[in-house]
C-alpha cells in the first residue's frame, strides 16, 4: 500500500496516487474478490449478499453510510453510500474483518 498520508478536516487518510484525478482513481485499480467463489465484487448488492451469508447484518444507524455489523463481534464495516466511491482503504477494512473470505487484488 504505497501513497501519501493526507491530513484534512481532522481526518488522516491514505491517498494512493496523489497526482491522479480523484474521480478517476489510479491507472492500476484494486478490486475486492470473494475468495470462495473467486468473484470480483461489482456492486453493494453482491457484497451485501456475501456478507449476510457469513453472519453480517445491515446497520441502519447512519443514512450517509452503508454499514454492516456482526453480532458476535465489535466490528463495524462502514462504506460510502455510492459504490463508485469505494476505495482500497474500504476494501482492506472488509478483508481485515472477514479473514479468509475476501481479498484485494490489482485489477
PDB file of N, CA and C in Angstrom:
ATOM      1  N   UNK A   1       0.844  -1.168   0.000  1.00  0.00           N
ATOM      2  CA  UNK A   1       0.000   0.000   0.000  1.00  0.00           C
ATOM      3  C   UNK A   1       0.892   1.235   0.000  1.00  0.00           C
ATOM      4  N   UNK A   2       1.189   1.747  -1.157  1.00  0.00           N
ATOM      5  CA  UNK A   2       2.006   2.944  -1.263  1.00  0.00           C
ATOM      6  C   UNK A   2       1.106   4.148  -1.476  1.00  0.00           C
ATOM      7  N   UNK A   3       1.587   5.293  -1.071  1.00  0.00           N
ATOM      8  CA  UNK A   3       0.816   6.510  -1.265  1.00  0.00           C
ATOM      9  C   UNK A   3       1.264   7.590  -0.319  1.00  0.00           C
ATOM     10  N   UNK A   4       0.422   8.571  -0.160  1.00  0.00           N
ATOM     11  CA  UNK A   4       0.720   9.708   0.697  1.00  0.00           C
ATOM     12  C   UNK A   4      -0.396   9.831   1.735  1.00  0.00           C
ATOM     13  N   UNK A   5       0.005  10.020   2.997  1.00  0.00           N
ATOM     14  CA  UNK A   5      -0.976  10.236   4.051  1.00  0.00           C
ATOM     15  C   UNK A   5      -1.340  11.708   4.062  1.00  0.00           C
ATOM     16  N   UNK A   6      -2.645  12.012   4.001  1.00  0.00           N
ATOM     17  CA  UNK A   6      -3.133  13.382   3.955  1.00  0.00           C
ATOM     18  C   UNK A   6      -3.981  13.655   5.192  1.00  0.00           C
ATOM     19  N   UNK A   7      -3.712  14.791   5.844  1.00  0.00           N
ATOM     20  CA  UNK A   7      -4.492  15.210   7.000  1.00  0.00           C
ATOM     21  C   UNK A   7      -5.400  16.345   6.556  1.00  0.00           C
ATOM     22  N   UNK A   8      -6.727  16.144   6.622  1.00  0.00           N
ATOM     23  CA  UNK A   8      -7.677  17.155   6.185  1.00  0.00           C
ATOM     24  C   UNK A   8      -8.915  17.100   7.070  1.00  0.00           C
ATOM     25  N   UNK A   9      -9.333  18.252   7.570  1.00  0.00           N
ATOM     26  CA  UNK A   9     -10.521  18.349   8.428  1.00  0.00           C
ATOM     27  C   UNK A   9     -10.466  17.397   9.623  1.00  0.00           C
ATOM     28  N   UNK A  10      -9.288  17.223  10.190  1.00  0.00           N
ATOM     29  CA  UNK A  10      -9.146  16.386  11.366  1.00  0.00           C
ATOM     30  C   UNK A  10      -9.112  14.899  11.099  1.00  0.00           C
ATOM     31  N   UNK A  11      -9.024  14.509   9.831  1.00  0.00           N
ATOM     32  CA  UNK A  11      -9.025  13.093   9.467  1.00  0.00           C
ATOM     33  C   UNK A  11      -7.771  12.787   8.654  1.00  0.00           C
ATOM     34  N   UNK A  12      -7.106  11.682   8.990  1.00  0.00           N
ATOM     35  CA  UNK A  12      -5.944  11.237   8.227  1.00  0.00           C
ATOM     36  C   UNK A  12      -6.402  10.123   7.309  1.00  0.00           C
ATOM     37  N   UNK A  13      -6.008  10.220   6.027  1.00  0.00           N
ATOM     38  CA  UNK A  13      -6.359   9.162   5.085  1.00  0.00           C
ATOM     39  C   UNK A  13      -5.215   8.940   4.119  1.00  0.00           C
ATOM     40  N   UNK A  14      -5.171   7.770   3.529  1.00  0.00           N
ATOM     41  CA  UNK A  14      -4.138   7.411   2.571  1.00  0.00           C
ATOM     42  C   UNK A  14      -4.615   7.731   1.170  1.00  0.00           C
ATOM     43  N   UNK A  15      -3.856   8.552   0.454  1.00  0.00           N
ATOM     44  CA  UNK A  15      -4.134   8.845  -0.944  1.00  0.00           C
ATOM     45  C   UNK A  15      -3.131   8.022  -1.736  1.00  0.00           C
ATOM     46  N   UNK A  16      -3.636   7.024  -2.482  1.00  0.00           N
ATOM     47  CA  UNK A  16      -2.754   6.075  -3.146  1.00  0.00           C
ATOM     48  C   UNK A  16      -2.001   6.669  -4.316  1.00  0.00           C
ATOM     49  N   UNK A  17      -2.622   7.579  -5.055  1.00  0.00           N
ATOM     50  CA  UNK A  17      -1.975   8.197  -6.201  1.00  0.00           C
ATOM     51  C   UNK A  17      -2.293   9.678  -6.154  1.00  0.00           C
ATOM     52  N   UNK A  18      -1.523  10.463  -5.398  1.00  0.00           N
ATOM     53  CA  UNK A  18      -1.890  11.856  -5.159  1.00  0.00           C
ATOM     54  C   UNK A  18      -1.947  12.713  -6.410  1.00  0.00           C
ATOM     55  N   UNK A  19      -1.295  12.330  -7.495  1.00  0.00           N
ATOM     56  CA  UNK A  19      -1.310  13.123  -8.720  1.00  0.00           C
ATOM     57  C   UNK A  19      -2.477  12.807  -9.630  1.00  0.00           C
ATOM     58  N   UNK A  20      -3.186  11.713  -9.362  1.00  0.00           N
ATOM     59  CA  UNK A  20      -4.292  11.307 -10.231  1.00  0.00           C
ATOM     60  C   UNK A  20      -5.562  12.052  -9.873  1.00  0.00           C
ATOM     61  N   UNK A  21      -6.454  12.164 -10.818  1.00  0.00           N
ATOM     62  CA  UNK A  21      -7.768  12.751 -10.580  1.00  0.00           C
ATOM     63  C   UNK A  21      -8.537  11.826  -9.658  1.00  0.00           C
ATOM     64  N   UNK A  22      -9.046  12.346  -8.547  1.00  0.00           N
ATOM     65  CA  UNK A  22      -9.709  11.503  -7.549  1.00  0.00           C
ATOM     66  C   UNK A  22     -10.966  10.829  -8.083  1.00  0.00           C
ATOM     67  N   UNK A  23     -11.617  11.400  -9.071  1.00  0.00           N
ATOM     68  CA  UNK A  23     -12.823  10.771  -9.611  1.00  0.00           C
ATOM     69  C   UNK A  23     -12.486   9.599 -10.521  1.00  0.00           C
ATOM     70  N   UNK A  24     -11.281   9.577 -11.051  1.00  0.00           N
ATOM     71  CA  UNK A  24     -10.891   8.511 -11.966  1.00  0.00           C
ATOM     72  C   UNK A  24     -10.092   7.422 -11.281  1.00  0.00           C
ATOM     73  N   UNK A  25      -9.513   7.712 -10.129  1.00  0.00           N
ATOM     74  CA  UNK A  25      -8.712   6.722  -9.427  1.00  0.00           C
ATOM     75  C   UNK A  25      -7.375   6.528 -10.108  1.00  0.00           C
ATOM     76  N   UNK A  26      -6.608   5.578  -9.643  1.00  0.00           N
ATOM     77  CA  UNK A  26      -5.307   5.332 -10.242  1.00  0.00           C
ATOM     78  C   UNK A  26      -5.451   4.447 -11.463  1.00  0.00           C
ATOM     79  N   UNK A  27      -4.414   4.430 -12.292  1.00  0.00           N
ATOM     80  CA  UNK A  27      -4.479   3.639 -13.511  1.00  0.00           C
ATOM     81  C   UNK A  27      -4.532   2.154 -13.197  1.00  0.00           C
ATOM     82  N   UNK A  28      -3.893   1.747 -12.116  1.00  0.00           N
ATOM     83  CA  UNK A  28      -3.957   0.358 -11.685  1.00  0.00           C
ATOM     84  C   UNK A  28      -4.881   0.299 -10.485  1.00  0.00           C
ATOM     85  N   UNK A  29      -6.129   0.019 -10.721  1.00  0.00           N
ATOM     86  CA  UNK A  29      -7.088  -0.025  -9.628  1.00  0.00           C
ATOM     87  C   UNK A  29      -7.028  -1.332  -8.878  1.00  0.00           C
ATOM     88  N   UNK A  30      -7.718  -1.358  -7.790  1.00  0.00           N
ATOM     89  CA  UNK A  30      -7.814  -2.566  -6.979  1.00  0.00           C
ATOM     90  C   UNK A  30      -9.260  -3.040  -6.983  1.00  0.00           C
ATOM     91  N   UNK A  31      -9.439  -4.327  -6.832  1.00  0.00           N
ATOM     92  CA  UNK A  31     -10.769  -4.909  -6.781  1.00  0.00           C
ATOM     93  C   UNK A  31     -10.871  -5.800  -5.556  1.00  0.00           C
ATOM     94  N   UNK A  32     -12.082  -5.908  -5.042  1.00  0.00           N
ATOM     95  CA  UNK A  32     -12.374  -6.787  -3.917  1.00  0.00           C
ATOM     96  C   UNK A  32     -12.874  -8.111  -4.491  1.00  0.00           C
ATOM     97  N   UNK A  33     -12.258  -9.205  -4.049  1.00  0.00           N
ATOM     98  CA  UNK A  33     -12.591 -10.528  -4.578  1.00  0.00           C
ATOM     99  C   UNK A  33     -13.107 -11.421  -3.454  1.00  0.00           C
ATOM    100  N   UNK A  34     -14.235 -12.070  -3.695  1.00  0.00           N
ATOM    101  CA  UNK A  34     -14.798 -13.060  -2.768  1.00  0.00           C
ATOM    102  C   UNK A  34     -14.068 -14.370  -3.035  1.00  0.00           C
ATOM    103  N   UNK A  35     -13.251 -14.817  -2.085  1.00  0.00           N
ATOM    104  CA  UNK A  35     -12.369 -15.964  -2.300  1.00  0.00           C
ATOM    105  C   UNK A  35     -13.091 -17.289  -2.558  1.00  0.00           C
ATOM    106  N   UNK A  36     -14.147 -17.638  -1.809  1.00  0.00           N
ATOM    107  CA  UNK A  36     -14.792 -18.934  -2.077  1.00  0.00           C
ATOM    108  C   UNK A  36     -15.312 -19.080  -3.506  1.00  0.00           C
ATOM    109  N   UNK A  37     -15.753 -17.981  -4.126  1.00  0.00           N
ATOM    110  CA  UNK A  37     -16.293 -18.058  -5.494  1.00  0.00           C
ATOM    111  C   UNK A  37     -15.359 -17.439  -6.524  1.00  0.00           C
ATOM    112  N   UNK A  38     -14.287 -16.786  -6.069  1.00  0.00           N
ATOM    113  CA  UNK A  38     -13.354 -16.062  -6.938  1.00  0.00           C
ATOM    114  C   UNK A  38     -14.068 -14.980  -7.749  1.00  0.00           C
ATOM    115  N   UNK A  39     -15.135 -14.433  -7.196  1.00  0.00           N
ATOM    116  CA  UNK A  39     -15.941 -13.410  -7.869  1.00  0.00           C
ATOM    117  C   UNK A  39     -15.480 -12.015  -7.465  1.00  0.00           C
ATOM    118  N   UNK A  40     -15.314 -11.133  -8.462  1.00  0.00           N
ATOM    119  CA  UNK A  40     -14.999  -9.737  -8.194  1.00  0.00           C
ATOM    120  C   UNK A  40     -16.291  -9.042  -7.777  1.00  0.00           C
ATOM    121  N   UNK A  41     -16.236  -8.280  -6.692  1.00  0.00           N
ATOM    122  CA  UNK A  41     -17.412  -7.565  -6.198  1.00  0.00           C
ATOM    123  C   UNK A  41     -17.601  -6.313  -7.056  1.00  0.00           C
ATOM    124  N   UNK A  42     -18.743  -6.228  -7.717  1.00  0.00           N
ATOM    125  CA  UNK A  42     -19.005  -5.104  -8.622  1.00  0.00           C
ATOM    126  C   UNK A  42     -20.171  -4.243  -8.173  1.00  0.00           C
ATOM    127  N   UNK A  43     -20.800  -4.606  -7.038  1.00  0.00           N
ATOM    128  CA  UNK A  43     -21.926  -3.814  -6.536  1.00  0.00           C
ATOM    129  C   UNK A  43     -22.108  -4.072  -5.044  1.00  0.00           C
ATOM    130  N   UNK A  44     -22.780  -3.143  -4.407  1.00  0.00           N
ATOM    131  CA  UNK A  44     -23.097  -3.338  -2.989  1.00  0.00           C
ATOM    132  C   UNK A  44     -24.101  -4.467  -2.809  1.00  0.00           C
ATOM    133  N   UNK A  45     -24.958  -4.682  -3.794  1.00  0.00           N
ATOM    134  CA  UNK A  45     -25.932  -5.774  -3.697  1.00  0.00           C
ATOM    135  C   UNK A  45     -25.195  -7.114  -3.558  1.00  0.00           C
ATOM    136  N   UNK A  46     -24.195  -7.325  -4.406  1.00  0.00           N
ATOM    137  CA  UNK A  46     -23.420  -8.571  -4.350  1.00  0.00           C
ATOM    138  C   UNK A  46     -22.647  -8.666  -3.040  1.00  0.00           C
ATOM    139  N   UNK A  47     -22.050  -7.553  -2.614  1.00  0.00           N
ATOM    140  CA  UNK A  47     -21.296  -7.548  -1.360  1.00  0.00           C
ATOM    141  C   UNK A  47     -22.208  -7.855  -0.181  1.00  0.00           C
ATOM    142  N   UNK A  48     -23.386  -7.244  -0.158  1.00  0.00           N
ATOM    143  CA  UNK A  48     -24.313  -7.475   0.949  1.00  0.00           C
ATOM    144  C   UNK A  48     -24.737  -8.940   1.013  1.00  0.00           C
ATOM    145  N   UNK A  49     -24.995  -9.553  -0.122  1.00  0.00           N
ATOM    146  CA  UNK A  49     -25.378 -10.971  -0.136  1.00  0.00           C
ATOM    147  C   UNK A  49     -24.276 -11.840   0.461  1.00  0.00           C
ATOM    148  N   UNK A  50     -23.033 -11.537   0.111  1.00  0.00           N
ATOM    149  CA  UNK A  50     -21.915 -12.347   0.604  1.00  0.00           C
ATOM    150  C   UNK A  50     -21.667 -12.103   2.093  1.00  0.00           C
ATOM    151  N   UNK A  51     -21.788 -10.860   2.511  1.00  0.00           N
ATOM    152  CA  UNK A  51     -21.592 -10.563   3.932  1.00  0.00           C
ATOM    153  C   UNK A  51     -22.700 -11.172   4.791  1.00  0.00           C
ATOM    154  N   UNK A  52     -23.945 -11.093   4.337  1.00  0.00           N
ATOM    155  CA  UNK A  52     -25.045 -11.669   5.120  1.00  0.00           C
ATOM    156  C   UNK A  52     -24.936 -13.190   5.198  1.00  0.00           C
ATOM    157  N   UNK A  53     -24.367 -13.796   4.164  1.00  0.00           N
ATOM    158  CA  UNK A  53     -24.221 -15.256   4.185  1.00  0.00           C
ATOM    159  C   UNK A  53     -23.217 -15.724   5.236  1.00  0.00           C
ATOM    160  N   UNK A  54     -22.344 -14.809   5.708  1.00  0.00           N
ATOM    161  CA  UNK A  54     -21.384 -15.187   6.752  1.00  0.00           C
ATOM    162  C   UNK A  54     -21.689 -14.498   8.086  1.00  0.00           C
ATOM    163  N   UNK A  55     -22.940 -14.034   8.246  1.00  0.00           N
ATOM    164  CA  UNK A  55     -23.386 -13.549   9.540  1.00  0.00           C
ATOM    165  C   UNK A  55     -23.379 -12.046   9.765  1.00  0.00           C
ATOM    166  N   UNK A  56     -23.039 -11.257   8.766  1.00  0.00           N
ATOM    167  CA  UNK A  56     -23.068  -9.806   8.908  1.00  0.00           C
ATOM    168  C   UNK A  56     -24.474  -9.296   8.630  1.00  0.00           C
ATOM    169  N   UNK A  57     -24.852  -8.214   9.312  1.00  0.00           N
ATOM    170  CA  UNK A  57     -26.180  -7.615   9.149  1.00  0.00           C
ATOM    171  C   UNK A  57     -26.035  -6.134   8.806  1.00  0.00           C
ATOM    172  N   UNK A  58     -27.021  -5.623   8.056  1.00  0.00           N
ATOM    173  CA  UNK A  58     -27.038  -4.178   7.779  1.00  0.00           C
ATOM    174  C   UNK A  58     -27.288  -3.430   9.066  1.00  0.00           C
ATOM    175  N   UNK A  59     -26.588  -2.342   9.222  1.00  0.00           N
ATOM    176  CA  UNK A  59     -26.709  -1.471  10.386  1.00  0.00           C
ATOM    177  C   UNK A  59     -27.220  -0.142   9.865  1.00  0.00           C
ATOM    178  N   UNK A  60     -28.425   0.245  10.253  1.00  0.00           N
ATOM    179  CA  UNK A  60     -29.098   1.413   9.672  1.00  0.00           C
ATOM    180  C   UNK A  60     -29.016   2.642  10.572  1.00  0.00           C
ATOM    181  N   UNK A  61     -27.874   2.877  11.196  1.00  0.00           N
ATOM    182  CA  UNK A  61     -27.745   3.990  12.124  1.00  0.00           C
ATOM    183  C   UNK A  61     -27.389   5.305  11.435  1.00  0.00           C
ATOM    184  N   UNK A  62     -26.641   5.256  10.334  1.00  0.00           N
ATOM    185  CA  UNK A  62     -26.180   6.467   9.656  1.00  0.00           C
ATOM    186  C   UNK A  62     -26.644   6.438   8.196  1.00  0.00           C
ATOM    187  N   UNK A  63     -27.546   7.356   7.805  1.00  0.00           N
ATOM    188  CA  UNK A  63     -28.070   7.335   6.439  1.00  0.00           C
ATOM    189  C   UNK A  63     -27.039   7.708   5.366  1.00  0.00           C
ATOM    190  N   UNK A  64     -25.913   8.307   5.764  1.00  0.00           N
ATOM    191  CA  UNK A  64     -24.909   8.705   4.776  1.00  0.00           C
ATOM    192  C   UNK A  64     -23.898   7.597   4.489  1.00  0.00           C
ATOM    193  N   UNK A  65     -23.993   6.479   5.212  1.00  0.00           N
ATOM    194  CA  UNK A  65     -23.061   5.367   5.035  1.00  0.00           C
ATOM    195  C   UNK A  65     -23.813   4.051   4.868  1.00  0.00           C
ATOM    196  N   UNK A  66     -23.157   3.107   4.257  1.00  0.00           N
ATOM    197  CA  UNK A  66     -23.637   1.729   4.204  1.00  0.00           C
ATOM    198  C   UNK A  66     -22.809   0.987   5.250  1.00  0.00           C
ATOM    199  N   UNK A  67     -23.473   0.463   6.284  1.00  0.00           N
ATOM    200  CA  UNK A  67     -22.747  -0.164   7.374  1.00  0.00           C
ATOM    201  C   UNK A  67     -23.242  -1.579   7.634  1.00  0.00           C
ATOM    202  N   UNK A  68     -22.301  -2.413   8.067  1.00  0.00           N
ATOM    203  CA  UNK A  68     -22.599  -3.792   8.427  1.00  0.00           C
ATOM    204  C   UNK A  68     -21.961  -4.088   9.774  1.00  0.00           C
ATOM    205  N   UNK A  69     -22.643  -4.902  10.575  1.00  0.00           N
ATOM    206  CA  UNK A  69     -22.063  -5.339  11.845  1.00  0.00           C
ATOM    207  C   UNK A  69     -22.356  -6.819  12.032  1.00  0.00           C
ATOM    208  N   UNK A  70     -21.570  -7.413  12.893  1.00  0.00           N
ATOM    209  CA  UNK A  70     -21.731  -8.831  13.211  1.00  0.00           C
ATOM    210  C   UNK A  70     -21.996  -8.928  14.698  1.00  0.00           C
ATOM    211  N   UNK A  71     -23.079  -9.569  15.062  1.00  0.00           N
ATOM    212  CA  UNK A  71     -23.479  -9.649  16.473  1.00  0.00           C
ATOM    213  C   UNK A  71     -22.411 -10.286  17.350  1.00  0.00           C
ATOM    214  N   UNK A  72     -21.655 -11.204  16.791  1.00  0.00           N
ATOM    215  CA  UNK A  72     -20.664 -11.929  17.597  1.00  0.00           C
ATOM    216  C   UNK A  72     -19.342 -11.172  17.749  1.00  0.00           C
ATOM    217  N   UNK A  73     -19.279  -9.941  17.238  1.00  0.00           N
ATOM    218  CA  UNK A  73     -18.038  -9.174  17.358  1.00  0.00           C
ATOM    219  C   UNK A  73     -18.342  -7.694  17.560  1.00  0.00           C
ATOM    220  N   UNK A  74     -17.301  -6.937  17.799  1.00  0.00           N
ATOM    221  CA  UNK A  74     -17.454  -5.488  17.950  1.00  0.00           C
ATOM    222  C   UNK A  74     -17.190  -4.758  16.634  1.00  0.00           C
ATOM    223  N   UNK A  75     -16.892  -5.493  15.579  1.00  0.00           N
ATOM    224  CA  UNK A  75     -16.525  -4.890  14.297  1.00  0.00           C
ATOM    225  C   UNK A  75     -17.712  -4.238  13.601  1.00  0.00           C
ATOM    226  N   UNK A  76     -17.403  -3.138  12.927  1.00  0.00           N
ATOM    227  CA  UNK A  76     -18.374  -2.421  12.108  1.00  0.00           C
ATOM    228  C   UNK A  76     -17.688  -2.068  10.799  1.00  0.00           C
ATOM    229  N   UNK A  77     -18.293  -2.427   9.689  1.00  0.00           N
ATOM    230  CA  UNK A  77     -17.779  -2.070   8.370  1.00  0.00           C
ATOM    231  C   UNK A  77     -18.575  -0.866   7.887  1.00  0.00           C
ATOM    232  N   UNK A  78     -17.896   0.242   7.624  1.00  0.00           N
ATOM    233  CA  UNK A  78     -18.548   1.462   7.144  1.00  0.00           C
ATOM    234  C   UNK A  78     -18.044   1.780   5.750  1.00  0.00           C
ATOM    235  N   UNK A  79     -18.973   1.934   4.825  1.00  0.00           N
ATOM    236  CA  UNK A  79     -18.643   2.172   3.422  1.00  0.00           C
ATOM    237  C   UNK A  79     -19.381   3.403   2.915  1.00  0.00           C
ATOM    238  N   UNK A  80     -18.820   4.081   1.911  1.00  0.00           N
ATOM    239  CA  UNK A  80     -19.544   5.215   1.331  1.00  0.00           C
ATOM    240  C   UNK A  80     -20.827   4.733   0.665  1.00  0.00           C
ATOM    241  N   UNK A  81     -21.865   5.546   0.684  1.00  0.00           N
ATOM    242  CA  UNK A  81     -23.163   5.166   0.111  1.00  0.00           C
ATOM    243  C   UNK A  81     -23.060   4.820  -1.378  1.00  0.00           C
ATOM    244  N   UNK A  82     -22.185   5.526  -2.097  1.00  0.00           N
ATOM    245  CA  UNK A  82     -22.002   5.340  -3.540  1.00  0.00           C
ATOM    246  C   UNK A  82     -20.892   4.311  -3.784  1.00  0.00           C
ATOM    247  N   UNK A  83     -21.218   3.218  -4.465  1.00  0.00           N
ATOM    248  CA  UNK A  83     -20.240   2.160  -4.728  1.00  0.00           C
ATOM    249  C   UNK A  83     -19.038   2.683  -5.507  1.00  0.00           C
ATOM    250  N   UNK A  84     -19.238   3.684  -6.358  1.00  0.00           N
ATOM    251  CA  UNK A  84     -18.136   4.256  -7.143  1.00  0.00           C
ATOM    252  C   UNK A  84     -17.108   4.966  -6.265  1.00  0.00           C
ATOM    253  N   UNK A  85     -17.449   5.256  -5.027  1.00  0.00           N
ATOM    254  CA  UNK A  85     -16.523   5.918  -4.110  1.00  0.00           C
ATOM    255  C   UNK A  85     -15.813   4.922  -3.191  1.00  0.00           C
ATOM    256  N   UNK A  86     -16.050   3.637  -3.421  1.00  0.00           N
ATOM    257  CA  UNK A  86     -15.381   2.594  -2.658  1.00  0.00           C
ATOM    258  C   UNK A  86     -13.905   2.588  -3.039  1.00  0.00           C
ATOM    259  N   UNK A  87     -13.020   2.755  -2.076  1.00  0.00           N
ATOM    260  CA  UNK A  87     -11.583   2.816  -2.311  1.00  0.00           C
ATOM    261  C   UNK A  87     -10.901   1.630  -1.639  1.00  0.00           C
ATOM    262  N   UNK A  88      -9.636   1.478  -1.918  1.00  0.00           N
ATOM    263  CA  UNK A  88      -8.897   0.330  -1.379  1.00  0.00           C
ATOM    264  C   UNK A  88      -8.876   0.329   0.146  1.00  0.00           C
ATOM    265  N   UNK A  89      -8.887   1.486   0.772  1.00  0.00           N
ATOM    266  CA  UNK A  89      -8.893   1.529   2.236  1.00  0.00           C
ATOM    267  C   UNK A  89     -10.164   0.857   2.787  1.00  0.00           C
ATOM    268  N   UNK A  90     -11.298   1.023   2.081  1.00  0.00           N
ATOM    269  CA  UNK A  90     -12.540   0.359   2.481  1.00  0.00           C
ATOM    270  C   UNK A  90     -12.438  -1.152   2.228  1.00  0.00           C
ATOM    271  N   UNK A  91     -11.830  -1.504   1.084  1.00  0.00           N
ATOM    272  CA  UNK A  91     -11.680  -2.916   0.744  1.00  0.00           C
ATOM    273  C   UNK A  91     -10.814  -3.634   1.772  1.00  0.00           C
ATOM    274  N   UNK A  92      -9.710  -3.000   2.170  1.00  0.00           N
ATOM    275  CA  UNK A  92      -8.830  -3.617   3.162  1.00  0.00           C
ATOM    276  C   UNK A  92      -9.532  -3.738   4.516  1.00  0.00           C
ATOM    277  N   UNK A  93     -10.405  -2.801   4.840  1.00  0.00           N
ATOM    278  CA  UNK A  93     -11.179  -2.892   6.073  1.00  0.00           C
ATOM    279  C   UNK A  93     -12.061  -4.142   6.046  1.00  0.00           C
ATOM    280  N   UNK A  94     -12.688  -4.401   4.908  1.00  0.00           N
ATOM    281  CA  UNK A  94     -13.517  -5.602   4.760  1.00  0.00           C
ATOM    282  C   UNK A  94     -12.661  -6.849   4.895  1.00  0.00           C
ATOM    283  N   UNK A  95     -11.494  -6.856   4.252  1.00  0.00           N
ATOM    284  CA  UNK A  95     -10.605  -8.019   4.300  1.00  0.00           C
ATOM    285  C   UNK A  95     -10.169  -8.321   5.728  1.00  0.00           C
ATOM    286  N   UNK A  96      -9.780  -7.296   6.479  1.00  0.00           N
ATOM    287  CA  UNK A  96      -9.315  -7.493   7.853  1.00  0.00           C
ATOM    288  C   UNK A  96     -10.424  -8.051   8.740  1.00  0.00           C
ATOM    289  N   UNK A  97     -11.657  -7.624   8.505  1.00  0.00           N
ATOM    290  CA  UNK A  97     -12.766  -8.021   9.374  1.00  0.00           C
ATOM    291  C   UNK A  97     -13.459  -9.304   8.923  1.00  0.00           C
ATOM    292  N   UNK A  98     -13.086  -9.819   7.767  1.00  0.00           N
ATOM    293  CA  UNK A  98     -13.663 -11.075   7.264  1.00  0.00           C
ATOM    294  C   UNK A  98     -12.534 -11.990   6.783  1.00  0.00           C
ATOM    295  N   UNK A  99     -11.641 -12.300   7.646  1.00  0.00           N
ATOM    296  CA  UNK A  99     -10.461 -13.106   7.305  1.00  0.00           C
ATOM    297  C   UNK A  99     -10.830 -14.334   6.471  1.00  0.00           C
ATOM    298  N   UNK A 100     -10.028 -14.594   5.434  1.00  0.00           N
ATOM    299  CA  UNK A 100     -10.149 -15.766   4.561  1.00  0.00           C
ATOM    300  C   UNK A 100     -11.415 -15.788   3.717  1.00  0.00           C
ATOM    301  N   UNK A 101     -12.130 -14.663   3.620  1.00  0.00           N
ATOM    302  CA  UNK A 101     -13.338 -14.615   2.805  1.00  0.00           C
ATOM    303  C   UNK A 101     -13.173 -13.671   1.619  1.00  0.00           C
ATOM    304  N   UNK A 102     -12.475 -12.561   1.830  1.00  0.00           N
ATOM    305  CA  UNK A 102     -12.242 -11.578   0.777  1.00  0.00           C
ATOM    306  C   UNK A 102     -10.758 -11.280   0.672  1.00  0.00           C
ATOM    307  N   UNK A 103     -10.350 -10.775  -0.503  1.00  0.00           N
ATOM    308  CA  UNK A 103      -9.002 -10.283  -0.673  1.00  0.00           C
ATOM    309  C   UNK A 103      -9.013  -9.151  -1.682  1.00  0.00           C
ATOM    310  N   UNK A 104      -8.018  -8.283  -1.607  1.00  0.00           N
ATOM    311  CA  UNK A 104      -7.884  -7.167  -2.536  1.00  0.00           C
ATOM    312  C   UNK A 104      -6.822  -7.550  -3.550  1.00  0.00           C
ATOM    313  N   UNK A 105      -7.142  -7.357  -4.830  1.00  0.00           N
ATOM    314  CA  UNK A 105      -6.215  -7.671  -5.911  1.00  0.00           C
ATOM    315  C   UNK A 105      -6.099  -6.471  -6.850  1.00  0.00           C
ATOM    316  N   UNK A 106      -4.999  -6.448  -7.592  1.00  0.00           N
ATOM    317  CA  UNK A 106      -4.837  -5.454  -8.651  1.00  0.00           C
ATOM    318  C   UNK A 106      -5.808  -5.802  -9.779  1.00  0.00           C
ATOM    319  N   UNK A 107      -6.406  -4.782 -10.370  1.00  0.00           N
ATOM    320  CA  UNK A 107      -7.349  -5.080 -11.469  1.00  0.00           C
ATOM    321  C   UNK A 107      -6.617  -5.249 -12.788  1.00  0.00           C
TER     322      UNK A 107
END
